[in-house]
Protein backbone atom coordinates (compact mmCIF):
# COMPACT_ATOMS: atom_id res chain seq x y z
CA GLN A 1 209.50 61.68 61.42
CA VAL A 2 210.71 57.95 60.45
CA GLN A 3 212.65 55.99 63.13
CA LEU A 4 213.84 52.76 62.42
CA VAL A 5 216.22 51.55 65.79
CA GLU A 6 217.95 48.19 66.50
CA SER A 7 218.69 46.29 69.42
CA GLY A 8 219.62 43.00 70.59
CA GLY A 9 223.15 42.62 69.04
CA GLY A 10 226.07 41.11 71.02
CA LEU A 11 228.53 38.68 71.10
CA VAL A 12 227.63 35.10 70.98
CA GLN A 13 229.72 31.54 70.16
CA PRO A 14 229.93 29.78 67.26
CA GLY A 15 226.20 27.56 67.55
CA GLY A 16 224.98 30.34 69.66
CA SER A 17 221.54 32.39 69.10
CA LEU A 18 220.54 35.92 69.03
CA ARG A 19 217.00 37.87 68.26
CA LEU A 20 217.50 41.43 66.53
CA SER A 21 214.58 43.68 66.96
CA CYS A 22 213.84 47.02 65.32
CA ALA A 23 211.49 49.29 66.49
CA ALA A 24 209.93 51.37 63.95
CA SER A 25 207.73 54.56 64.10
CA GLY A 26 206.92 57.98 61.96
CA PHE A 27 204.85 55.50 59.57
CA THR A 28 202.75 53.02 59.18
CA PHE A 29 204.48 50.52 60.17
CA SER A 30 201.99 47.90 58.89
CA SER A 31 202.00 48.99 54.75
CA TYR A 32 205.17 48.25 54.23
CA ALA A 33 207.55 45.86 53.31
CA MET A 34 210.77 45.26 55.88
CA THR A 35 214.29 43.90 55.38
CA TRP A 36 217.60 42.88 57.44
CA TYR A 37 220.69 43.84 55.99
CA ARG A 38 224.13 42.98 57.34
CA GLN A 39 227.73 44.88 56.78
CA ALA A 40 230.61 42.59 57.26
CA PRO A 41 234.36 44.76 57.94
CA GLY A 42 235.34 45.87 54.69
CA GLN A 43 232.62 44.15 53.08
CA GLU A 44 229.65 45.20 50.78
CA ARG A 45 225.74 45.71 52.71
CA GLU A 46 223.83 42.32 51.33
CA LEU A 47 220.04 41.25 51.60
CA VAL A 48 219.18 39.27 54.57
CA ALA A 49 215.93 38.49 54.72
CA ALA A 50 212.92 40.43 54.17
CA ILE A 51 209.40 39.92 54.78
CA THR A 52 205.78 41.72 53.56
CA SER A 53 203.80 44.18 55.19
CA ALA A 54 201.16 41.85 56.21
CA GLY A 55 204.09 38.89 56.96
CA GLY A 56 202.62 36.34 54.67
CA SER A 57 205.72 36.60 52.73
CA THR A 58 209.00 36.36 53.54
CA HIS A 59 212.74 35.94 51.56
CA TYR A 60 216.37 34.68 52.98
CA ALA A 61 219.98 35.06 51.23
CA ASP A 62 221.37 31.50 50.52
CA SER A 63 223.59 32.01 52.92
CA VAL A 64 221.36 32.42 56.28
CA LYS A 65 218.05 29.75 54.96
CA GLY A 66 217.74 27.52 57.43
CA ARG A 67 219.06 29.22 60.15
CA PHE A 68 217.30 32.92 60.27
CA THR A 69 213.74 33.53 60.61
CA ILE A 70 212.18 37.00 60.25
CA SER A 71 208.96 37.89 62.01
CA ARG A 72 206.94 40.97 62.60
CA ASP A 73 204.48 42.23 64.83
CA ASN A 74 202.17 44.82 63.20
CA ALA A 75 200.37 45.73 66.82
CA LYS A 76 204.04 46.58 68.73
CA ASN A 77 205.29 48.36 65.32
CA THR A 78 208.41 45.66 65.54
CA VAL A 79 209.73 43.61 62.86
CA TYR A 80 212.57 40.79 64.20
CA LEU A 81 215.59 38.64 63.02
CA GLN A 82 215.49 35.23 64.84
CA MET A 83 219.43 34.22 64.16
CA ASN A 84 220.60 30.45 64.94
CA SER A 85 223.40 28.25 64.27
CA LEU A 86 225.31 31.30 64.10
CA LYS A 87 228.64 31.16 62.33
CA PRO A 88 231.52 33.02 62.97
CA GLU A 89 230.96 34.69 59.25
CA ASP A 90 227.22 35.65 60.16
CA THR A 91 229.73 38.35 62.28
CA ALA A 92 228.29 42.01 60.79
CA VAL A 93 226.68 45.35 61.69
CA TYR A 94 222.75 44.57 61.11
CA TYR A 95 220.82 47.00 59.44
CA CYS A 96 216.99 47.06 59.59
CA ASN A 97 215.65 48.83 55.93
CA ALA A 98 212.15 50.38 55.55
CA GLU A 99 211.76 51.61 51.63
CA ILE A 100 209.18 54.24 51.76
CA TRP A 101 209.37 55.57 48.23
CA PRO A 102 211.13 57.63 47.46
CA VAL A 103 213.45 57.52 50.45
CA ASP A 104 215.42 53.87 51.84
CA TYR A 105 215.38 54.57 55.55
CA TRP A 106 217.66 52.55 57.74
CA GLY A 107 218.78 52.18 61.23
CA LYS A 108 221.84 52.91 62.90
CA GLY A 109 222.66 49.17 62.83
CA THR A 110 223.23 46.92 65.91
CA LEU A 111 227.01 44.38 65.64
CA VAL A 112 226.65 41.13 66.19
CA THR A 113 230.16 39.39 66.37
CA VAL A 114 230.42 35.78 66.50
CA SER A 115 233.44 34.20 68.16
CA SER A 116 234.58 31.68 70.46
């Protein structure tokens, strides 16, 4: 079965960096685009970054452009989110997503807290 397991979250000071990972299994990872979402307390889930199946094209939310970088290693079935210059407003649970029609698959999320 499809599994997405996020890791790498934690507490970081403003201006710091974190690298999130999402390990995927149960499907042909290299055939699917992957997306990172986040959900802050009391807010709706929002798209953060997406990457095409071969990694040749990426898309970012305006709020993270220039600070976050999405990448993938198809040999390791893993997608990454490098987060730099973190701000308190980046505090959220970060989720990995794979759209494998007709099902949307989600990981359980990893918490990122940006605070001094």
